[in-house]
Amino acid sequence: MNFAVKVYPRTIWGERYRGNFDQLTDEIAAAGIQNLIVPAFQGARIFFAQQFDQEPNPWSLLPLRERCAQKQLGFALEFPIFNDRDTFDRMPELRPQSPDGAAYSEDFWYRPICPSRLEYMQHRLHLIEGAIANLNPALALINFMWWPFLPSTERWDEMGSQVPSHCFCPHCRQAFFERTGLVNPLQDIEAWFDFRAGRMNEVLADIEELSNQSKARPSLLLELPPMATPHFDERLLRLTGVHLAATRKLVGALSPQLFYNEYGQSPAWPLAVLDELAAYDFSLFPQIDFPDLTAFSEDHLQELLFLLQAISGCQIGAAALFHWENLVHLPQLLNIIEQFSSEAS
């Protein structure tokens, strides 16, 4: 199996590496991992060189991309769309609103932005265009391209049973009115779901067009958040606005986040997700997480081995590991990945 690993700025420039890209890429390659996935931007932090920079950008991913090329490691970008901590904090008017007008409250790490704010999306598209032009990725993952949604272990089985509470801001209501002639989205819930899906398709179509016009023309993978089964696709549509059948016309691959450790699920859940997604004829690039270091055990090793074997049996040739900062401190797990990668090759 071919492996990729997500690498975030706090790992790249953290205490372990301090910008030492040689050490970072050497350690990743030694684990049998063939590809890196890194964010092109996070909030106000831009990780690619820009023409208006007055001096070298200390956050530039160009040196990392060059190290990957030298060591024959694949280099892919991740574009977080509607999750932006800095904009959420600095521009509260862009926060999603509930039906009664209350703004989305702060979560531990998730800071969603209203999907109907066109000026925000134009800025995001500008960043995506710049990242592709400067870093020439062969692969780009589109993440957080959904209406405000954060999975909850407390209501896991109830996913999709209620109308989402965000976003009902004046911009969303106006856009909904222009499309349907209805003032209140709650007057026609199915029309509201259709409107939400239409907005996500518009965003994805804009990203696809931008990608196709670039010199690099990277392949696009759409990331999907953790979602309960059965009826994964219906829950996904109602909670996030992602319509799998319509999405098939815009991207050829999906990257479902199968974070079974984080959400207290057994390995049976990610396999059920993959089984349901197989009906849509996408290429699948699943993402797997790891348990908290304090909870790590031999059982987790066996679960991972079982899951990797099962994924391989589904004729899925590649998987992403979430994420390097958690993985690097688990030598037993790294050994399994290295051995599995060597056996598969």
C-alpha atoms as a PDB file:
ATOM      1  CA  MET A   1       0.000   0.000   0.000  1.00  0.00           C
ATOM      2  CA  ASN A   2       1.092   3.516  -0.764  1.00  0.00           C
ATOM      3  CA  PHE A   3       1.004   5.838   2.249  1.00  0.00           C
ATOM      4  CA  ALA A   4       0.774   9.592   2.666  1.00  0.00           C
ATOM      5  CA  VAL A   5       1.022  11.455   5.947  1.00  0.00           C
ATOM      6  CA  LYS A   6      -0.419  14.800   6.914  1.00  0.00           C
ATOM      7  CA  VAL A   7       2.172  17.242   8.203  1.00  0.00           C
ATOM      8  CA  TYR A   8       1.067  20.445   9.901  1.00  0.00           C
ATOM      9  CA  PRO A   9       3.052  23.625  10.601  1.00  0.00           C
ATOM     10  CA  ARG A  10       3.384  22.922  14.299  1.00  0.00           C
ATOM     11  CA  THR A  11       5.176  19.728  13.294  1.00  0.00           C
ATOM     12  CA  ILE A  12       7.300  21.201  10.506  1.00  0.00           C
ATOM     13  CA  TRP A  13       8.491  24.155  12.552  1.00  0.00           C
ATOM     14  CA  GLY A  14       8.055  22.694  16.021  1.00  0.00           C
ATOM     15  CA  GLU A  15      10.524  21.641  18.661  1.00  0.00           C
ATOM     16  CA  ARG A  16      11.357  18.365  16.958  1.00  0.00           C
ATOM     17  CA  TYR A  17      12.463  19.815  13.613  1.00  0.00           C
ATOM     18  CA  ARG A  18      12.833  23.587  13.881  1.00  0.00           C
ATOM     19  CA  GLY A  19      12.560  23.808  10.107  1.00  0.00           C
ATOM     20  CA  ASN A  20      14.965  20.916   9.506  1.00  0.00           C
ATOM     21  CA  PHE A  21      13.315  19.545   6.387  1.00  0.00           C
ATOM     22  CA  ASP A  22      16.073  16.994   5.817  1.00  0.00           C
ATOM     23  CA  GLN A  23      15.370  15.323   9.162  1.00  0.00           C
ATOM     24  CA  LEU A  24      11.604  15.541   8.607  1.00  0.00           C
ATOM     25  CA  THR A  25      11.655  13.924   5.180  1.00  0.00           C
ATOM     26  CA  ASP A  26      14.272  11.339   6.187  1.00  0.00           C
ATOM     27  CA  GLU A  27      12.158  10.165   9.119  1.00  0.00           C
ATOM     28  CA  ILE A  28       9.003  10.016   7.031  1.00  0.00           C
ATOM     29  CA  ALA A  29      10.712   8.063   4.245  1.00  0.00           C
ATOM     30  CA  ALA A  30      12.263   5.658   6.772  1.00  0.00           C
ATOM     31  CA  ALA A  31       8.759   4.758   7.957  1.00  0.00           C
ATOM     32  CA  GLY A  32       7.808   3.556   4.484  1.00  0.00           C
ATOM     33  CA  ILE A  33       5.672   6.624   3.786  1.00  0.00           C
ATOM     34  CA  GLN A  34       5.889   7.865   0.213  1.00  0.00           C
ATOM     35  CA  ASN A  35       3.969  11.170   0.280  1.00  0.00           C
ATOM     36  CA  LEU A  36       3.465  14.305   2.379  1.00  0.00           C
ATOM     37  CA  ILE A  37       0.264  16.342   2.595  1.00  0.00           C
ATOM     38  CA  VAL A  38       0.654  19.883   3.914  1.00  0.00           C
ATOM     39  CA  PRO A  39      -1.733  22.854   4.180  1.00  0.00           C
ATOM     40  CA  ALA A  40      -1.121  25.702   1.759  1.00  0.00           C
ATOM     41  CA  PHE A  41      -2.554  28.138   4.291  1.00  0.00           C
ATOM     42  CA  GLN A  42      -4.197  28.182   7.699  1.00  0.00           C
ATOM     43  CA  GLY A  43      -6.146  31.282   8.580  1.00  0.00           C
ATOM     44  CA  ALA A  44      -3.880  34.279   8.056  1.00  0.00           C
ATOM     45  CA  ARG A  45      -0.738  32.152   7.756  1.00  0.00           C
ATOM     46  CA  ILE A  46       0.340  31.658   4.150  1.00  0.00           C
ATOM     47  CA  PHE A  47       2.817  28.838   3.532  1.00  0.00           C
ATOM     48  CA  PHE A  48       3.865  29.661  -0.007  1.00  0.00           C
ATOM     49  CA  ALA A  49       5.993  32.474  -1.443  1.00  0.00           C
ATOM     50  CA  GLN A  50       4.106  35.422  -2.876  1.00  0.00           C
ATOM     51  CA  GLN A  51       5.243  38.074  -5.318  1.00  0.00           C
ATOM     52  CA  PHE A  52       4.585  40.911  -2.889  1.00  0.00           C
ATOM     53  CA  ASP A  53       6.779  39.442  -0.129  1.00  0.00           C
ATOM     54  CA  GLN A  54       9.470  41.960   0.767  1.00  0.00           C
ATOM     55  CA  GLU A  55      11.783  39.257   2.115  1.00  0.00           C
ATOM     56  CA  PRO A  56      11.887  35.444   2.134  1.00  0.00           C
ATOM     57  CA  ASN A  57       8.751  34.005   3.669  1.00  0.00           C
ATOM     58  CA  PRO A  58       9.746  32.103   6.853  1.00  0.00           C
ATOM     59  CA  TRP A  59       6.684  29.891   6.370  1.00  0.00           C
ATOM     60  CA  SER A  60       7.445  28.977   2.762  1.00  0.00           C
ATOM     61  CA  LEU A  61       6.859  25.378   1.717  1.00  0.00           C
ATOM     62  CA  LEU A  62       9.152  25.718  -1.282  1.00  0.00           C
ATOM     63  CA  PRO A  63      12.192  24.236   0.535  1.00  0.00           C
ATOM     64  CA  LEU A  64      10.079  21.327   1.772  1.00  0.00           C
ATOM     65  CA  ARG A  65       8.780  20.636  -1.712  1.00  0.00           C
ATOM     66  CA  GLU A  66      12.361  20.654  -2.998  1.00  0.00           C
ATOM     67  CA  ARG A  67      13.460  18.162  -0.326  1.00  0.00           C
ATOM     68  CA  CYS A  68      10.560  15.906  -1.255  1.00  0.00           C
ATOM     69  CA  ALA A  69      11.576  15.994  -4.916  1.00  0.00           C
ATOM     70  CA  GLN A  70      15.185  15.171  -4.042  1.00  0.00           C
ATOM     71  CA  LYS A  71      14.115  12.188  -1.943  1.00  0.00           C
ATOM     72  CA  GLN A  72      11.395  10.987  -4.329  1.00  0.00           C
ATOM     73  CA  LEU A  73       8.582  11.770  -1.916  1.00  0.00           C
ATOM     74  CA  GLY A  74       5.259  12.911  -3.276  1.00  0.00           C
ATOM     75  CA  PHE A  75       4.119  16.412  -2.270  1.00  0.00           C
ATOM     76  CA  ALA A  76       0.432  17.280  -2.012  1.00  0.00           C
ATOM     77  CA  LEU A  77      -1.361  20.388  -0.794  1.00  0.00           C
ATOM     78  CA  GLU A  78      -4.412  20.691   1.421  1.00  0.00           C
ATOM     79  CA  PHE A  79      -6.775  23.643   1.028  1.00  0.00           C
ATOM     80  CA  PRO A  80      -8.974  24.294   4.102  1.00  0.00           C
ATOM     81  CA  ILE A  81     -11.991  26.196   2.781  1.00  0.00           C
ATOM     82  CA  PHE A  82     -14.611  27.134   5.394  1.00  0.00           C
ATOM     83  CA  ASN A  83     -12.516  26.684   8.538  1.00  0.00           C
ATOM     84  CA  ASP A  84     -10.522  29.818   9.335  1.00  0.00           C
ATOM     85  CA  ARG A  85      -9.605  30.678  12.910  1.00  0.00           C
ATOM     86  CA  ASP A  86      -8.180  34.116  12.121  1.00  0.00           C
ATOM     87  CA  THR A  87     -11.138  35.317  10.050  1.00  0.00           C
ATOM     88  CA  PHE A  88     -13.563  33.904  12.606  1.00  0.00           C
ATOM     89  CA  ASP A  89     -11.826  35.821  15.408  1.00  0.00           C
ATOM     90  CA  ARG A  90     -11.154  39.077  13.561  1.00  0.00           C
ATOM     91  CA  MET A  91     -14.350  39.363  11.520  1.00  0.00           C
ATOM     92  CA  PRO A  92     -17.244  38.146  13.680  1.00  0.00           C
ATOM     93  CA  GLU A  93     -19.732  39.263  11.037  1.00  0.00           C
ATOM     94  CA  LEU A  94     -18.633  36.258   8.944  1.00  0.00           C
ATOM     95  CA  ARG A  95     -19.505  33.746  11.659  1.00  0.00           C
ATOM     96  CA  PRO A  96     -22.421  31.418  10.884  1.00  0.00           C
ATOM     97  CA  GLN A  97     -25.704  32.202  12.613  1.00  0.00           C
ATOM     98  CA  SER A  98     -28.475  30.030  14.029  1.00  0.00           C
ATOM     99  CA  PRO A  99     -32.159  30.617  13.113  1.00  0.00           C
ATOM    100  CA  ASP A 100     -32.538  33.004  16.058  1.00  0.00           C
ATOM    101  CA  GLY A 101     -29.533  35.063  14.950  1.00  0.00           C
ATOM    102  CA  ALA A 102     -27.030  33.753  17.507  1.00  0.00           C
ATOM    103  CA  ALA A 103     -23.465  33.521  16.191  1.00  0.00           C
ATOM    104  CA  TYR A 104     -21.635  30.203  16.119  1.00  0.00           C
ATOM    105  CA  SER A 105     -19.859  29.757  19.434  1.00  0.00           C
ATOM    106  CA  GLU A 106     -16.148  29.010  19.625  1.00  0.00           C
ATOM    107  CA  ASP A 107     -15.062  25.396  19.616  1.00  0.00           C
ATOM    108  CA  PHE A 108     -11.709  24.072  20.749  1.00  0.00           C
ATOM    109  CA  TRP A 109     -10.208  24.278  17.252  1.00  0.00           C
ATOM    110  CA  TYR A 110     -13.019  24.552  14.694  1.00  0.00           C
ATOM    111  CA  ARG A 111     -13.841  28.060  13.436  1.00  0.00           C
ATOM    112  CA  PRO A 112     -16.367  27.870  10.560  1.00  0.00           C
ATOM    113  CA  ILE A 113     -17.146  30.695   8.146  1.00  0.00           C
ATOM    114  CA  CYS A 114     -20.524  31.304   6.499  1.00  0.00           C
ATOM    115  CA  PRO A 115     -20.456  29.678   3.019  1.00  0.00           C
ATOM    116  CA  SER A 116     -22.600  32.456   1.503  1.00  0.00           C
ATOM    117  CA  ARG A 117     -20.027  35.210   1.947  1.00  0.00           C
ATOM    118  CA  LEU A 118     -18.780  35.545  -1.615  1.00  0.00           C
ATOM    119  CA  GLU A 119     -15.985  37.983  -0.777  1.00  0.00           C
ATOM    120  CA  TYR A 120     -14.479  35.445   1.599  1.00  0.00           C
ATOM    121  CA  MET A 121     -14.610  32.701  -1.030  1.00  0.00           C
ATOM    122  CA  GLN A 122     -13.004  34.964  -3.606  1.00  0.00           C
ATOM    123  CA  HIS A 123     -10.105  35.473  -1.228  1.00  0.00           C
ATOM    124  CA  ARG A 124      -9.842  31.724  -0.686  1.00  0.00           C
ATOM    125  CA  LEU A 125      -9.778  31.153  -4.446  1.00  0.00           C
ATOM    126  CA  HIS A 126      -7.015  33.725  -4.748  1.00  0.00           C
ATOM    127  CA  LEU A 127      -4.956  31.827  -2.163  1.00  0.00           C
ATOM    128  CA  ILE A 128      -5.568  28.512  -3.911  1.00  0.00           C
ATOM    129  CA  GLU A 129      -4.499  30.010  -7.230  1.00  0.00           C
ATOM    130  CA  GLY A 130      -1.306  31.372  -5.682  1.00  0.00           C
ATOM    131  CA  ALA A 131      -0.462  28.110  -3.938  1.00  0.00           C
ATOM    132  CA  ILE A 132      -0.894  26.049  -7.108  1.00  0.00           C
ATOM    133  CA  ALA A 133       1.153  28.507  -9.159  1.00  0.00           C
ATOM    134  CA  ASN A 134       4.014  28.613  -6.649  1.00  0.00           C
ATOM    135  CA  LEU A 135       4.128  24.991  -5.490  1.00  0.00           C
ATOM    136  CA  ASN A 136       2.910  23.063  -8.561  1.00  0.00           C
ATOM    137  CA  PRO A 137       1.311  20.179  -6.666  1.00  0.00           C
ATOM    138  CA  ALA A 138       0.204  17.074  -8.520  1.00  0.00           C
ATOM    139  CA  LEU A 139      -2.513  16.518  -5.941  1.00  0.00           C
ATOM    140  CA  ALA A 140      -4.717  18.867  -3.917  1.00  0.00           C
ATOM    141  CA  LEU A 141      -7.092  17.933  -1.108  1.00  0.00           C
ATOM    142  CA  ILE A 142     -10.130  20.161  -0.588  1.00  0.00           C
ATOM    143  CA  ASN A 143     -10.979  20.142   3.113  1.00  0.00           C
ATOM    144  CA  PHE A 144     -13.704  21.782   5.237  1.00  0.00           C
ATOM    145  CA  MET A 145     -15.754  22.370   2.128  1.00  0.00           C
ATOM    146  CA  TRP A 146     -19.010  21.962   3.966  1.00  0.00           C
ATOM    147  CA  TRP A 147     -21.624  23.924   5.878  1.00  0.00           C
ATOM    148  CA  PRO A 148     -20.792  24.411   9.580  1.00  0.00           C
ATOM    149  CA  PHE A 149     -20.452  20.918  10.998  1.00  0.00           C
ATOM    150  CA  LEU A 150     -18.343  19.306  13.686  1.00  0.00           C
ATOM    151  CA  PRO A 151     -18.899  15.616  14.486  1.00  0.00           C
ATOM    152  CA  SER A 152     -19.951  14.809  18.033  1.00  0.00           C
ATOM    153  CA  THR A 153     -19.397  11.500  19.767  1.00  0.00           C
ATOM    154  CA  GLU A 154     -22.317  12.314  22.068  1.00  0.00           C
ATOM    155  CA  ARG A 155     -24.808  12.333  19.202  1.00  0.00           C
ATOM    156  CA  TRP A 156     -23.064   9.998  16.795  1.00  0.00           C
ATOM    157  CA  ASP A 157     -26.047   7.806  15.982  1.00  0.00           C
ATOM    158  CA  GLU A 158     -28.357  10.835  15.681  1.00  0.00           C
ATOM    159  CA  MET A 159     -26.380  12.429  12.855  1.00  0.00           C
ATOM    160  CA  GLY A 160     -28.721  13.796  10.205  1.00  0.00           C
ATOM    161  CA  SER A 161     -31.903  13.312  12.228  1.00  0.00           C
ATOM    162  CA  GLN A 162     -32.344  17.045  12.844  1.00  0.00           C
ATOM    163  CA  VAL A 163     -32.135  20.148  10.701  1.00  0.00           C
ATOM    164  CA  PRO A 164     -28.636  21.714  10.970  1.00  0.00           C
ATOM    165  CA  SER A 165     -28.642  24.836  13.104  1.00  0.00           C
ATOM    166  CA  HIS A 166     -26.186  26.849  10.961  1.00  0.00           C
ATOM    167  CA  CYS A 167     -26.013  28.967   8.888  1.00  0.00           C
ATOM    168  CA  PHE A 168     -29.179  31.111   8.771  1.00  0.00           C
ATOM    169  CA  CYS A 169     -27.512  34.516   8.498  1.00  0.00           C
ATOM    170  CA  PRO A 170     -29.015  37.304   6.343  1.00  0.00           C
ATOM    171  CA  HIS A 171     -26.677  36.424   3.449  1.00  0.00           C
ATOM    172  CA  CYS A 172     -27.797  32.802   3.460  1.00  0.00           C
ATOM    173  CA  ARG A 173     -31.458  33.789   3.734  1.00  0.00           C
ATOM    174  CA  GLN A 174     -31.115  36.262   0.859  1.00  0.00           C
ATOM    175  CA  ALA A 175     -29.372  33.723  -1.374  1.00  0.00           C
ATOM    176  CA  PHE A 176     -32.056  31.157  -0.495  1.00  0.00           C
ATOM    177  CA  PHE A 177     -34.815  33.666  -1.311  1.00  0.00           C
ATOM    178  CA  GLU A 178     -33.247  34.485  -4.677  1.00  0.00           C
ATOM    179  CA  ARG A 179     -33.187  30.803  -5.573  1.00  0.00           C
ATOM    180  CA  THR A 180     -36.552  29.690  -4.189  1.00  0.00           C
ATOM    181  CA  GLY A 181     -38.685  32.770  -3.522  1.00  0.00           C
ATOM    182  CA  LEU A 182     -39.071  31.650   0.098  1.00  0.00           C
ATOM    183  CA  VAL A 183     -38.205  34.023   2.917  1.00  0.00           C
ATOM    184  CA  ASN A 184     -37.743  31.492   5.694  1.00  0.00           C
ATOM    185  CA  PRO A 185     -35.627  28.375   4.980  1.00  0.00           C
ATOM    186  CA  LEU A 186     -37.628  26.474   7.588  1.00  0.00           C
ATOM    187  CA  GLN A 187     -40.732  26.833   5.383  1.00  0.00           C
ATOM    188  CA  ASP A 188     -39.387  24.119   3.091  1.00  0.00           C
ATOM    189  CA  ILE A 189     -36.638  21.971   4.574  1.00  0.00           C
ATOM    190  CA  GLU A 190     -36.010  19.970   1.413  1.00  0.00           C
ATOM    191  CA  ALA A 191     -35.576  23.178  -0.569  1.00  0.00           C
ATOM    192  CA  TRP A 192     -33.153  24.335   2.105  1.00  0.00           C
ATOM    193  CA  PHE A 193     -31.116  21.132   1.746  1.00  0.00           C
ATOM    194  CA  ASP A 194     -31.086  21.568  -2.042  1.00  0.00           C
ATOM    195  CA  PHE A 195     -29.897  25.163  -1.641  1.00  0.00           C
ATOM    196  CA  ARG A 196     -27.055  24.113   0.656  1.00  0.00           C
ATOM    197  CA  ALA A 197     -25.939  21.386  -1.751  1.00  0.00           C
ATOM    198  CA  GLY A 198     -26.097  23.810  -4.651  1.00  0.00           C
ATOM    199  CA  ARG A 199     -23.805  26.241  -2.861  1.00  0.00           C
ATOM    200  CA  MET A 200     -21.219  23.545  -2.185  1.00  0.00           C
ATOM    201  CA  ASN A 201     -21.306  22.457  -5.823  1.00  0.00           C
ATOM    202  CA  GLU A 202     -20.754  26.048  -6.920  1.00  0.00           C
ATOM    203  CA  VAL A 203     -17.702  26.362  -4.703  1.00  0.00           C
ATOM    204  CA  LEU A 204     -16.259  23.075  -5.880  1.00  0.00           C
ATOM    205  CA  ALA A 205     -16.890  24.008  -9.517  1.00  0.00           C
ATOM    206  CA  ASP A 206     -14.976  27.274  -9.007  1.00  0.00           C
ATOM    207  CA  ILE A 207     -12.042  25.384  -7.517  1.00  0.00           C
ATOM    208  CA  GLU A 208     -12.092  22.825 -10.323  1.00  0.00           C
ATOM    209  CA  GLU A 209     -12.099  25.569 -12.968  1.00  0.00           C
ATOM    210  CA  LEU A 210      -9.210  27.348 -11.287  1.00  0.00           C
ATOM    211  CA  SER A 211      -7.253  24.097 -11.054  1.00  0.00           C
ATOM    212  CA  ASN A 212      -7.876  23.248 -14.708  1.00  0.00           C
ATOM    213  CA  GLN A 213      -6.652  26.668 -15.793  1.00  0.00           C
ATOM    214  CA  SER A 214      -3.386  26.317 -13.890  1.00  0.00           C
ATOM    215  CA  LYS A 215      -0.176  24.990 -15.371  1.00  0.00           C
ATOM    216  CA  ALA A 216       0.060  22.231 -12.753  1.00  0.00           C
ATOM    217  CA  ARG A 217      -3.562  21.041 -13.169  1.00  0.00           C
ATOM    218  CA  PRO A 218      -3.505  19.071  -9.894  1.00  0.00           C
ATOM    219  CA  SER A 219      -5.942  16.249  -9.342  1.00  0.00           C
ATOM    220  CA  LEU A 220      -8.583  17.212  -6.781  1.00  0.00           C
ATOM    221  CA  LEU A 221      -9.620  15.055  -3.848  1.00  0.00           C
ATOM    222  CA  LEU A 222     -12.589  16.054  -1.764  1.00  0.00           C
ATOM    223  CA  GLU A 223     -12.192  15.355   1.953  1.00  0.00           C
ATOM    224  CA  LEU A 224     -15.264  14.148   3.808  1.00  0.00           C
ATOM    225  CA  PRO A 225     -15.778  14.587   7.551  1.00  0.00           C
ATOM    226  CA  PRO A 226     -16.445  11.631   9.864  1.00  0.00           C
ATOM    227  CA  MET A 227     -20.070  10.586   9.502  1.00  0.00           C
ATOM    228  CA  ALA A 228     -22.119   7.829  11.068  1.00  0.00           C
ATOM    229  CA  THR A 229     -23.423   4.827   9.147  1.00  0.00           C
ATOM    230  CA  PRO A 230     -25.673   3.473   7.755  1.00  0.00           C
ATOM    231  CA  HIS A 231     -26.911   5.964   5.136  1.00  0.00           C
ATOM    232  CA  PHE A 232     -23.597   7.815   5.151  1.00  0.00           C
ATOM    233  CA  ASP A 233     -24.479   9.703   1.963  1.00  0.00           C
ATOM    234  CA  GLU A 234     -27.846  10.959   3.218  1.00  0.00           C
ATOM    235  CA  ARG A 235     -26.388  12.127   6.511  1.00  0.00           C
ATOM    236  CA  LEU A 236     -23.551  13.807   4.637  1.00  0.00           C
ATOM    237  CA  LEU A 237     -25.958  15.700   2.384  1.00  0.00           C
ATOM    238  CA  ARG A 238     -28.182  16.924   5.206  1.00  0.00           C
ATOM    239  CA  LEU A 239     -25.390  17.912   7.574  1.00  0.00           C
ATOM    240  CA  THR A 240     -22.739  19.299   5.220  1.00  0.00           C
ATOM    241  CA  GLY A 241     -24.353  20.006   1.857  1.00  0.00           C
ATOM    242  CA  VAL A 242     -22.016  17.590   0.066  1.00  0.00           C
ATOM    243  CA  HIS A 243     -24.045  15.773  -2.599  1.00  0.00           C
ATOM    244  CA  LEU A 244     -22.005  12.767  -3.683  1.00  0.00           C
ATOM    245  CA  ALA A 245     -23.828  12.120  -6.962  1.00  0.00           C
ATOM    246  CA  ALA A 246     -23.413  15.746  -8.070  1.00  0.00           C
ATOM    247  CA  THR A 247     -19.830  15.874  -6.807  1.00  0.00           C
ATOM    248  CA  ARG A 248     -18.929  12.972  -9.095  1.00  0.00           C
ATOM    249  CA  LYS A 249     -19.021  15.393 -12.042  1.00  0.00           C
ATOM    250  CA  LEU A 250     -16.404  17.655 -10.452  1.00  0.00           C
ATOM    251  CA  VAL A 251     -13.871  15.398  -8.743  1.00  0.00           C
ATOM    252  CA  GLY A 252     -12.884  11.801  -9.291  1.00  0.00           C
ATOM    253  CA  ALA A 253     -11.648  10.986  -5.799  1.00  0.00           C
ATOM    254  CA  LEU A 254     -12.850  11.190  -2.212  1.00  0.00           C
ATOM    255  CA  SER A 255     -10.786  11.250   0.952  1.00  0.00           C
ATOM    256  CA  PRO A 256     -13.066  10.222   3.835  1.00  0.00           C
ATOM    257  CA  GLN A 257     -11.731  11.001   7.295  1.00  0.00           C
ATOM    258  CA  LEU A 258     -12.031   7.621   8.998  1.00  0.00           C
ATOM    259  CA  PHE A 259     -10.978   8.821  12.442  1.00  0.00           C
ATOM    260  CA  TYR A 260     -12.295   5.836  14.337  1.00  0.00           C
ATOM    261  CA  ASN A 261     -10.043   6.416  17.351  1.00  0.00           C
ATOM    262  CA  GLU A 262     -11.048  10.043  17.845  1.00  0.00           C
ATOM    263  CA  TYR A 263     -14.736   9.220  17.661  1.00  0.00           C
ATOM    264  CA  GLY A 264     -14.688   6.042  19.711  1.00  0.00           C
ATOM    265  CA  GLN A 265     -15.587   3.667  16.889  1.00  0.00           C
ATOM    266  CA  SER A 266     -14.325   0.182  16.107  1.00  0.00           C
ATOM    267  CA  PRO A 267     -12.532  -0.588  12.803  1.00  0.00           C
ATOM    268  CA  ALA A 268     -15.879  -1.879  11.531  1.00  0.00           C
ATOM    269  CA  TRP A 269     -17.131   1.694  11.111  1.00  0.00           C
ATOM    270  CA  PRO A 270     -14.492   2.868   8.558  1.00  0.00           C
ATOM    271  CA  LEU A 271     -15.032  -0.321   6.583  1.00  0.00           C
ATOM    272  CA  ALA A 272     -18.778   0.348   6.534  1.00  0.00           C
ATOM    273  CA  VAL A 273     -18.090   3.869   5.213  1.00  0.00           C
ATOM    274  CA  LEU A 274     -15.879   2.542   2.429  1.00  0.00           C
ATOM    275  CA  ASP A 275     -18.479  -0.062   1.543  1.00  0.00           C
ATOM    276  CA  GLU A 276     -21.181   2.600   1.154  1.00  0.00           C
ATOM    277  CA  LEU A 277     -18.919   4.926  -0.838  1.00  0.00           C
ATOM    278  CA  ALA A 278     -18.045   2.109  -3.258  1.00  0.00           C
ATOM    279  CA  ALA A 279     -21.506   2.492  -4.779  1.00  0.00           C
ATOM    280  CA  TYR A 280     -20.537   5.919  -6.182  1.00  0.00           C
ATOM    281  CA  ASP A 281     -17.546   4.746  -8.228  1.00  0.00           C
ATOM    282  CA  PHE A 282     -15.074   7.268  -6.835  1.00  0.00           C
ATOM    283  CA  SER A 283     -11.420   6.561  -6.331  1.00  0.00           C
ATOM    284  CA  LEU A 284     -11.006   6.391  -2.549  1.00  0.00           C
ATOM    285  CA  PHE A 285      -8.094   7.733  -0.515  1.00  0.00           C
ATOM    286  CA  PRO A 286      -9.107   7.109   3.113  1.00  0.00           C
ATOM    287  CA  GLN A 287      -7.530   8.879   6.078  1.00  0.00           C
ATOM    288  CA  ILE A 288      -6.782   6.933   9.275  1.00  0.00           C
ATOM    289  CA  ASP A 289      -6.074   8.366  12.718  1.00  0.00           C
ATOM    290  CA  PHE A 290      -4.266   7.065  15.785  1.00  0.00           C
ATOM    291  CA  PRO A 291      -5.166   6.907  19.464  1.00  0.00           C
ATOM    292  CA  ASP A 292      -3.982   9.375  22.026  1.00  0.00           C
ATOM    293  CA  LEU A 293      -0.497   8.461  23.232  1.00  0.00           C
ATOM    294  CA  THR A 294      -1.734   7.843  26.769  1.00  0.00           C
ATOM    295  CA  ALA A 295      -4.269   5.313  25.499  1.00  0.00           C
ATOM    296  CA  PHE A 296      -1.983   3.467  23.098  1.00  0.00           C
ATOM    297  CA  SER A 297      -1.940  -0.313  23.507  1.00  0.00           C
ATOM    298  CA  GLU A 298      -1.221  -3.601  21.756  1.00  0.00           C
ATOM    299  CA  ASP A 299      -4.899  -3.784  20.843  1.00  0.00           C
ATOM    300  CA  HIS A 300      -4.513  -0.624  18.796  1.00  0.00           C
ATOM    301  CA  LEU A 301      -1.695  -2.217  16.811  1.00  0.00           C
ATOM    302  CA  GLN A 302      -3.861  -5.201  16.001  1.00  0.00           C
ATOM    303  CA  GLU A 303      -6.779  -2.965  15.040  1.00  0.00           C
ATOM    304  CA  LEU A 304      -4.578  -0.970  12.687  1.00  0.00           C
ATOM    305  CA  LEU A 305      -3.143  -4.113  11.104  1.00  0.00           C
ATOM    306  CA  PHE A 306      -6.654  -5.491  10.609  1.00  0.00           C
ATOM    307  CA  LEU A 307      -7.854  -2.218   9.102  1.00  0.00           C
ATOM    308  CA  LEU A 308      -4.929  -1.906   6.685  1.00  0.00           C
ATOM    309  CA  GLN A 309      -5.399  -5.483   5.521  1.00  0.00           C
ATOM    310  CA  ALA A 310      -9.110  -4.908   5.032  1.00  0.00           C
ATOM    311  CA  ILE A 311      -8.557  -1.653   3.128  1.00  0.00           C
ATOM    312  CA  SER A 312      -6.063  -3.372   0.868  1.00  0.00           C
ATOM    313  CA  GLY A 313      -8.621  -6.115   0.297  1.00  0.00           C
ATOM    314  CA  CYS A 314     -11.062  -3.437  -0.911  1.00  0.00           C
ATOM    315  CA  GLN A 315      -8.656  -2.732  -3.786  1.00  0.00           C
ATOM    316  CA  ILE A 316      -7.706   0.621  -2.282  1.00  0.00           C
ATOM    317  CA  GLY A 317      -4.068   1.219  -3.018  1.00  0.00           C
ATOM    318  CA  ALA A 318      -3.352   4.332  -0.963  1.00  0.00           C
ATOM    319  CA  ALA A 319      -4.214   5.745   2.447  1.00  0.00           C
ATOM    320  CA  ALA A 320      -3.394   8.918   4.367  1.00  0.00           C
ATOM    321  CA  LEU A 321      -2.204   8.837   7.977  1.00  0.00           C
ATOM    322  CA  PHE A 322      -3.432  11.500  10.388  1.00  0.00           C
ATOM    323  CA  HIS A 323      -1.072  12.880  11.348  1.00  0.00           C
ATOM    324  CA  TRP A 324       2.743  12.836  11.601  1.00  0.00           C
ATOM    325  CA  GLU A 325       2.913  14.550  14.998  1.00  0.00           C
ATOM    326  CA  ASN A 326       0.954  11.680  16.545  1.00  0.00           C
ATOM    327  CA  LEU A 327       2.604   8.964  14.514  1.00  0.00           C
ATOM    328  CA  VAL A 328       6.257   9.903  14.977  1.00  0.00           C
ATOM    329  CA  HIS A 329       6.250   9.048  18.690  1.00  0.00           C
ATOM    330  CA  LEU A 330       4.895   5.518  18.189  1.00  0.00           C
ATOM    331  CA  PRO A 331       7.763   3.291  16.962  1.00  0.00           C
ATOM    332  CA  GLN A 332       5.688   0.107  17.156  1.00  0.00           C
ATOM    333  CA  LEU A 333       3.125   1.623  14.850  1.00  0.00           C
ATOM    334  CA  LEU A 334       5.785   2.984  12.508  1.00  0.00           C
ATOM    335  CA  ASN A 335       7.194  -0.532  12.217  1.00  0.00           C
ATOM    336  CA  ILE A 336       3.809  -1.886  11.137  1.00  0.00           C
ATOM    337  CA  ILE A 337       3.445   0.818   8.513  1.00  0.00           C
ATOM    338  CA  GLU A 338       6.970   0.215   7.203  1.00  0.00           C
ATOM    339  CA  GLN A 339       6.472  -3.546   7.052  1.00  0.00           C
ATOM    340  CA  PHE A 340       3.055  -3.254   5.433  1.00  0.00           C
ATOM    341  CA  SER A 341       4.388  -0.791   2.877  1.00  0.00           C
ATOM    342  CA  SER A 342       7.331  -3.082   2.047  1.00  0.00           C
ATOM    343  CA  GLU A 343       5.148  -6.186   1.772  1.00  0.00           C
ATOM    344  CA  ALA A 344       2.624  -4.427  -0.424  1.00  0.00           C
ATOM    345  CA  SER A 345       5.321  -3.123  -2.762  1.00  0.00           C
END
